[in-house]
Amino acid sequence: MKTRLFRITSVCFFIIFLFFSISCTDKSPSNQVIVVGSQWYGHIPVWIGIEKGIFKKYGFDVKWQFIGKSMDRLNAISSGEAHFASLGEIAMLSAMAQGNTRFYWVGNQDIAPGFEGLVAKEGITSFEQLKGKKIGFPFGASVDITCRLLLKQHGLDPKKDVRLVNLEVGDVPSVFQTGRIDAAIIWEPGFSQLVSIDGATVLGMDTDTEVYKKFGTMTGPDVLIINKAWSDEDRLRAKRFMKAYFESLKWVDYNSEEAVKLIQGKYINQDLSLIQKNIEKFIWHDIEDQRRIMTDNGIFGQADYIVRILHEDMKVIPNKPDFRKWVNLDILSF
């Protein structure tokens, strides 16, 4: 009797264990993906992939974590704390110049110039009036090079004629409004906040720089990077994730109005109509576009140009990295 009861109990426990194991399969560590980013519009494909269940359809439990600065995002990817991110090209190239090989460059998802500008406080209406003044922005981001290029184009030496102040992304509007700095430069949604402050004047945009005039891009276009170790561990998994990401991007491209309604208030705190207006200016690059974009005739030429500026003109990186060695398009399902 006791033996029979033991067998029945054992079978019951086995069935419970088996059921629990199966139910947890989709949330196993190998299927959990940490994606990091800011409130910038370039992250919309990830947000939509989460909200529409696209990542889940491909077997991924994607968690979104806010990290404002591009370089901080890159560090999270490099350390393995996160798996995937979109960030500014400047941060990526800077990390490459430092010999960081713990990530792959896997794409450029959009082109969206005209969303970051240098804004001065009341009473400053020209670049000449910036001499001796404080300008705030997050160092190592696209706005870093935009600011320096604009200053140089107007005869000011960024190292001698002004004082550059390193700020957190989310702090730029509030620090500017309190008067602790005389000018600031940031991308959306912070840029609209700067412009809305009484007496503020827009002195220049990224579209006024030599980079835009030569290539038609932002000074630091959005790039996609993925943790190298995670990708190498299971190439098919990485390929499946990228397929899900670009499916989300295509959905955004074809359903921008619905996309804005899904993300507004949850991922980005900005007026619905303003987000919609700005998103309409985006040019999204789907997975097939990467064949053309990720070439010498595409974004590579622009990246070479930026590397030269960073190394020779600004002297903020120790060498000119061969960024092509970080490119991995094998995990894209063409």
Protein backbone atom coordinates (compact mmCIF):
# COMPACT_ATOMS: atom_id res chain seq x y z
CA MET A 1 0.00 0.00 0.00
CA LYS A 2 2.78 2.38 0.98
CA THR A 3 4.74 1.45 -2.16
CA ARG A 4 1.72 2.15 -4.35
CA LEU A 5 1.08 5.48 -2.61
CA PHE A 6 4.75 6.41 -3.05
CA ARG A 7 4.56 5.64 -6.79
CA ILE A 8 1.40 7.70 -7.24
CA THR A 9 2.91 10.61 -5.32
CA SER A 10 6.11 10.41 -7.36
CA VAL A 11 4.17 10.45 -10.64
CA CYS A 12 2.17 13.47 -9.48
CA PHE A 13 5.30 15.38 -8.57
CA PHE A 14 6.86 14.47 -11.93
CA ILE A 15 3.80 15.74 -13.83
CA ILE A 16 3.80 18.99 -11.85
CA PHE A 17 7.53 19.46 -12.50
CA LEU A 18 7.08 18.75 -16.22
CA PHE A 19 4.17 21.18 -16.49
CA PHE A 20 6.12 23.89 -14.68
CA SER A 21 9.16 23.37 -16.91
CA ILE A 22 7.12 23.63 -20.11
CA SER A 23 5.24 26.72 -18.93
CA CYS A 24 8.52 28.49 -18.20
CA THR A 25 10.19 27.68 -21.52
CA ASP A 26 9.37 31.00 -23.21
CA LYS A 27 10.82 32.91 -20.26
CA SER A 28 14.07 31.00 -19.97
CA PRO A 29 17.24 33.11 -19.71
CA SER A 30 18.17 32.39 -23.34
CA ASN A 31 14.94 34.01 -24.51
CA GLN A 32 15.16 37.09 -22.30
CA VAL A 33 16.59 40.11 -24.10
CA ILE A 34 17.47 43.41 -22.43
CA VAL A 35 17.23 46.38 -24.78
CA VAL A 36 18.42 49.81 -23.67
CA GLY A 37 17.66 53.29 -24.99
CA SER A 38 16.34 56.79 -24.38
CA GLN A 39 13.15 58.67 -25.30
CA TRP A 40 14.46 59.37 -28.80
CA TYR A 41 12.15 58.44 -31.69
CA GLY A 42 14.74 56.06 -33.14
CA HIS A 43 13.79 53.51 -30.46
CA ILE A 44 10.17 53.25 -31.62
CA PRO A 45 10.67 49.90 -33.42
CA VAL A 46 11.63 48.28 -30.10
CA TRP A 47 8.69 49.82 -28.26
CA ILE A 48 6.29 48.63 -30.94
CA GLY A 49 7.87 45.19 -31.00
CA ILE A 50 7.05 44.93 -27.30
CA GLU A 51 3.57 46.48 -27.46
CA LYS A 52 2.41 44.54 -30.54
CA GLY A 53 3.85 41.24 -29.33
CA ILE A 54 6.18 40.90 -32.32
CA PHE A 55 9.18 39.92 -30.21
CA LYS A 56 7.01 37.49 -28.27
CA LYS A 57 5.88 35.91 -31.54
CA TYR A 58 9.51 35.10 -32.28
CA GLY A 59 10.02 33.63 -28.82
CA PHE A 60 11.62 36.58 -27.02
CA ASP A 61 10.79 38.15 -23.68
CA VAL A 62 12.13 41.67 -24.32
CA LYS A 63 12.67 44.05 -21.41
CA TRP A 64 13.14 47.78 -22.03
CA GLN A 65 15.53 49.77 -19.84
CA PHE A 66 16.05 53.53 -20.05
CA ILE A 67 19.66 54.70 -20.42
CA GLY A 68 19.95 58.27 -21.66
CA LYS A 69 23.52 58.56 -22.91
CA SER A 70 24.72 56.64 -25.95
CA MET A 71 28.07 55.81 -24.35
CA ASP A 72 26.35 54.44 -21.25
CA ARG A 73 24.22 52.25 -23.50
CA LEU A 74 27.29 50.99 -25.29
CA ASN A 75 28.93 50.16 -21.96
CA ALA A 76 25.83 48.19 -20.95
CA ILE A 77 26.04 46.17 -24.17
CA SER A 78 29.79 45.62 -23.78
CA SER A 79 29.47 44.41 -20.19
CA GLY A 80 26.69 41.98 -21.05
CA GLU A 81 24.16 43.78 -18.86
CA ALA A 82 22.13 44.39 -22.03
CA HIS A 83 21.95 42.63 -25.38
CA PHE A 84 20.81 45.15 -27.99
CA ALA A 85 20.68 48.91 -28.45
CA SER A 86 20.34 51.79 -30.84
CA LEU A 87 22.74 54.62 -30.12
CA GLY A 88 24.60 57.50 -31.73
CA GLU A 89 27.39 56.73 -34.17
CA ILE A 90 29.84 58.97 -32.28
CA ALA A 91 29.75 56.81 -29.16
CA MET A 92 30.20 53.66 -31.21
CA LEU A 93 33.21 54.99 -33.14
CA SER A 94 34.78 56.29 -29.92
CA ALA A 95 34.46 52.85 -28.30
CA MET A 96 36.01 51.22 -31.36
CA ALA A 97 38.95 53.63 -31.16
CA GLN A 98 39.48 52.46 -27.57
CA GLY A 99 39.69 48.85 -28.75
CA ASN A 100 36.30 47.69 -27.48
CA THR A 101 35.51 44.52 -29.45
CA ARG A 102 32.63 43.23 -27.35
CA PHE A 103 29.87 44.23 -29.76
CA TYR A 104 28.86 44.03 -33.42
CA TRP A 105 27.57 46.86 -35.60
CA VAL A 106 24.52 45.36 -37.30
CA GLY A 107 22.67 48.22 -38.97
CA ASN A 108 21.45 51.78 -39.38
CA GLN A 109 17.68 51.91 -38.89
CA ASP A 110 16.85 55.48 -39.83
CA ILE A 111 17.89 58.85 -41.17
CA ALA A 112 16.35 61.78 -39.32
CA PRO A 113 18.30 65.06 -39.51
CA GLY A 114 16.81 68.28 -38.19
CA PHE A 115 15.92 67.12 -34.69
CA GLU A 116 18.80 68.58 -32.69
CA GLY A 117 19.86 72.19 -32.41
CA LEU A 118 21.84 74.71 -30.38
CA VAL A 119 19.53 76.95 -28.35
CA ALA A 120 20.64 80.10 -26.50
CA LYS A 121 18.97 81.90 -23.61
CA GLU A 122 17.24 85.26 -23.87
CA GLY A 123 19.63 88.02 -24.91
CA ILE A 124 21.92 85.79 -26.98
CA THR A 125 20.93 85.87 -30.63
CA SER A 126 24.21 85.16 -32.43
CA PHE A 127 27.20 82.85 -32.21
CA GLU A 128 29.48 85.81 -31.53
CA GLN A 129 27.60 86.43 -28.28
CA LEU A 130 28.43 82.91 -27.08
CA LYS A 131 32.06 83.81 -26.49
CA GLY A 132 32.93 83.15 -22.84
CA LYS A 133 29.56 81.48 -22.21
CA LYS A 134 28.60 78.00 -20.93
CA ILE A 135 27.08 75.46 -23.33
CA GLY A 136 25.60 72.26 -21.93
CA PHE A 137 25.05 68.86 -23.55
CA PRO A 138 25.94 65.17 -23.02
CA PHE A 139 29.55 64.61 -24.04
CA GLY A 140 30.28 61.82 -26.50
CA ALA A 141 26.90 62.08 -28.20
CA SER A 142 25.92 63.37 -31.64
CA VAL A 143 25.25 66.81 -30.17
CA ASP A 144 28.90 66.96 -29.07
CA ILE A 145 30.15 67.02 -32.64
CA THR A 146 27.20 69.13 -33.86
CA CYS A 147 28.01 71.80 -31.30
CA ARG A 148 31.73 71.82 -32.08
CA LEU A 149 31.13 71.98 -35.83
CA LEU A 150 28.66 74.85 -35.50
CA LEU A 151 31.04 76.81 -33.28
CA LYS A 152 33.97 76.32 -35.66
CA GLN A 153 31.86 77.30 -38.66
CA HIS A 154 31.17 80.61 -36.91
CA GLY A 155 34.77 81.32 -35.95
CA LEU A 156 34.72 80.09 -32.35
CA ASP A 157 37.21 77.64 -30.85
CA PRO A 158 35.28 75.07 -28.76
CA LYS A 159 38.29 74.61 -26.46
CA LYS A 160 39.13 78.27 -25.85
CA ASP A 161 36.20 80.55 -26.62
CA VAL A 162 33.40 78.79 -24.70
CA ARG A 163 32.99 76.53 -21.69
CA LEU A 164 31.46 73.15 -22.52
CA VAL A 165 29.49 71.50 -19.70
CA ASN A 166 28.78 67.76 -19.60
CA LEU A 167 25.15 67.03 -18.69
CA GLU A 168 22.87 64.03 -18.44
CA VAL A 169 20.45 63.80 -21.37
CA GLY A 170 17.32 64.31 -19.29
CA ASP A 171 18.82 67.21 -17.33
CA VAL A 172 19.60 69.48 -20.29
CA PRO A 173 16.24 71.36 -20.49
CA SER A 174 15.95 71.95 -16.73
CA VAL A 175 19.56 73.11 -16.32
CA PHE A 176 19.08 75.50 -19.24
CA GLN A 177 15.81 76.83 -17.85
CA THR A 178 17.32 77.57 -14.44
CA GLY A 179 20.03 79.69 -16.08
CA ARG A 180 23.00 77.62 -14.96
CA ILE A 181 24.14 77.47 -18.58
CA ASP A 182 23.80 80.04 -21.34
CA ALA A 183 23.05 77.67 -24.20
CA ALA A 184 22.28 74.01 -24.73
CA ILE A 185 22.03 71.45 -27.47
CA ILE A 186 20.05 68.22 -27.40
CA TRP A 187 17.85 66.07 -29.62
CA GLU A 188 14.10 65.46 -29.34
CA PRO A 189 12.13 65.44 -27.13
CA GLY A 190 14.48 67.71 -25.19
CA PHE A 191 15.01 70.05 -28.13
CA SER A 192 11.33 71.07 -28.21
CA GLN A 193 11.53 71.76 -24.47
CA LEU A 194 14.49 74.10 -25.00
CA VAL A 195 12.74 75.96 -27.81
CA SER A 196 9.58 76.44 -25.72
CA ILE A 197 11.42 78.41 -23.01
CA ASP A 198 10.64 82.14 -23.11
CA GLY A 199 13.23 84.18 -24.96
CA ALA A 200 15.15 81.17 -26.28
CA THR A 201 16.75 81.44 -29.72
CA VAL A 202 17.78 78.61 -32.03
CA LEU A 203 21.26 79.50 -33.27
CA GLY A 204 21.89 76.44 -35.42
CA MET A 205 20.78 72.92 -36.30
CA ASP A 206 22.57 69.74 -37.28
CA THR A 207 21.30 70.47 -40.79
CA ASP A 208 23.55 73.54 -40.82
CA THR A 209 26.72 71.46 -40.41
CA GLU A 210 29.19 70.36 -43.07
CA VAL A 211 28.25 66.73 -42.37
CA TYR A 212 24.63 67.24 -43.39
CA LYS A 213 25.58 69.29 -46.43
CA LYS A 214 27.95 66.56 -47.61
CA PHE A 215 26.02 63.39 -46.70
CA GLY A 216 22.44 64.42 -45.91
CA THR A 217 22.60 62.74 -42.49
CA MET A 218 22.70 63.73 -38.85
CA THR A 219 26.20 64.29 -37.50
CA GLY A 220 25.82 61.06 -35.53
CA PRO A 221 23.23 58.80 -37.20
CA ASP A 222 21.47 56.08 -35.25
CA VAL A 223 23.28 52.74 -35.33
CA LEU A 224 22.29 49.29 -34.10
CA ILE A 225 24.66 47.22 -31.99
CA ILE A 226 24.38 43.79 -30.40
CA ASN A 227 26.42 42.06 -27.71
CA LYS A 228 29.06 39.92 -29.43
CA ALA A 229 29.16 37.07 -26.92
CA TRP A 230 25.37 36.72 -26.90
CA SER A 231 25.27 36.73 -30.70
CA ASP A 232 28.14 34.26 -31.10
CA GLU A 233 26.62 31.91 -28.53
CA ASP A 234 23.62 31.23 -30.79
CA ARG A 235 23.72 32.77 -34.27
CA LEU A 236 20.27 31.50 -35.18
CA ARG A 237 18.81 33.13 -32.07
CA ALA A 238 20.50 36.44 -32.92
CA LYS A 239 19.25 36.18 -36.49
CA ARG A 240 15.72 35.51 -35.25
CA PHE A 241 15.88 38.52 -32.96
CA MET A 242 17.03 40.84 -35.74
CA LYS A 243 14.24 39.54 -37.96
CA ALA A 244 11.73 40.41 -35.23
CA TYR A 245 13.27 43.88 -34.82
CA PHE A 246 13.04 44.74 -38.50
CA GLU A 247 9.50 43.37 -38.70
CA SER A 248 8.63 45.84 -35.94
CA LEU A 249 10.38 48.63 -37.84
CA LYS A 250 8.39 47.89 -40.99
CA TRP A 251 5.17 47.94 -38.96
CA VAL A 252 6.08 51.41 -37.66
CA ASP A 253 6.84 52.61 -41.18
CA TYR A 254 3.41 51.52 -42.44
CA ASN A 255 1.39 52.37 -39.31
CA SER A 256 2.95 55.54 -37.89
CA GLU A 257 -0.28 57.04 -36.53
CA GLU A 258 -1.20 53.91 -34.59
CA ALA A 259 2.41 53.52 -33.45
CA VAL A 260 2.42 57.00 -31.93
CA LYS A 261 -0.78 56.29 -30.00
CA LEU A 262 0.73 53.11 -28.57
CA ILE A 263 3.94 54.73 -27.31
CA GLN A 264 2.82 58.22 -26.26
CA GLY A 265 2.71 58.59 -22.50
CA LYS A 266 4.36 55.23 -21.88
CA TYR A 267 7.74 55.56 -23.54
CA ILE A 268 7.83 59.23 -24.49
CA ASN A 269 6.13 62.15 -22.76
CA GLN A 270 5.39 64.54 -25.59
CA ASP A 271 2.27 65.90 -27.27
CA LEU A 272 0.68 63.33 -29.57
CA SER A 273 0.46 65.68 -32.55
CA LEU A 274 4.11 66.75 -32.17
CA ILE A 275 5.34 63.15 -32.11
CA GLN A 276 3.26 62.38 -35.19
CA LYS A 277 4.58 65.44 -37.02
CA ASN A 278 8.18 64.52 -36.25
CA ILE A 279 7.83 60.83 -37.06
CA GLU A 280 6.57 61.70 -40.53
CA LYS A 281 10.02 63.18 -41.24
CA PHE A 282 11.77 59.88 -40.52
CA ILE A 283 13.19 57.69 -43.27
CA TRP A 284 13.16 54.13 -41.96
CA HIS A 285 15.67 51.58 -43.27
CA ASP A 286 14.29 48.04 -43.30
CA ILE A 287 16.31 44.85 -43.35
CA GLU A 288 16.69 44.84 -47.15
CA ASP A 289 17.92 48.44 -47.08
CA GLN A 290 20.90 47.35 -44.99
CA ARG A 291 22.52 45.81 -48.09
CA ARG A 292 22.76 49.32 -49.53
CA ILE A 293 23.20 51.35 -46.35
CA MET A 294 25.99 49.32 -44.75
CA THR A 295 28.49 49.87 -47.59
CA ASP A 296 31.16 52.33 -48.69
CA ASN A 297 28.55 54.04 -50.86
CA GLY A 298 26.22 54.24 -47.87
CA ILE A 299 26.89 55.13 -44.26
CA PHE A 300 30.52 53.91 -44.29
CA GLY A 301 31.62 56.97 -46.25
CA GLN A 302 29.99 59.23 -43.68
CA ALA A 303 31.56 57.24 -40.83
CA ASP A 304 35.02 57.62 -42.39
CA TYR A 305 34.45 61.37 -42.52
CA ILE A 306 33.37 61.50 -38.86
CA VAL A 307 36.35 59.40 -37.77
CA ARG A 308 38.67 61.91 -39.41
CA ILE A 309 36.96 64.81 -37.63
CA LEU A 310 37.08 63.04 -34.27
CA HIS A 311 40.74 62.07 -34.62
CA GLU A 312 42.38 64.87 -36.59
CA ASP A 313 40.25 67.94 -35.91
CA MET A 314 38.75 67.37 -32.47
CA LYS A 315 41.50 65.01 -31.22
CA VAL A 316 39.05 63.16 -28.97
CA ILE A 317 39.90 59.62 -30.11
CA PRO A 318 43.41 58.08 -30.05
CA ASN A 319 43.28 56.52 -33.53
CA LYS A 320 41.15 55.92 -36.61
CA PRO A 321 39.42 52.59 -36.01
CA ASP A 322 38.69 50.27 -38.93
CA PHE A 323 35.01 50.13 -38.04
CA ARG A 324 34.28 47.67 -40.85
CA LYS A 325 35.82 44.94 -38.67
CA TRP A 326 32.91 45.35 -36.23
CA VAL A 327 30.24 45.00 -38.92
CA ASN A 328 28.27 41.75 -38.89
CA LEU A 329 25.46 41.45 -41.42
CA ASP A 330 25.47 37.65 -41.32
CA ILE A 331 22.79 37.73 -38.63
CA LEU A 332 20.38 39.64 -40.90
CA SER A 333 17.84 37.54 -42.81
CA PHE A 334 18.11 39.00 -46.31
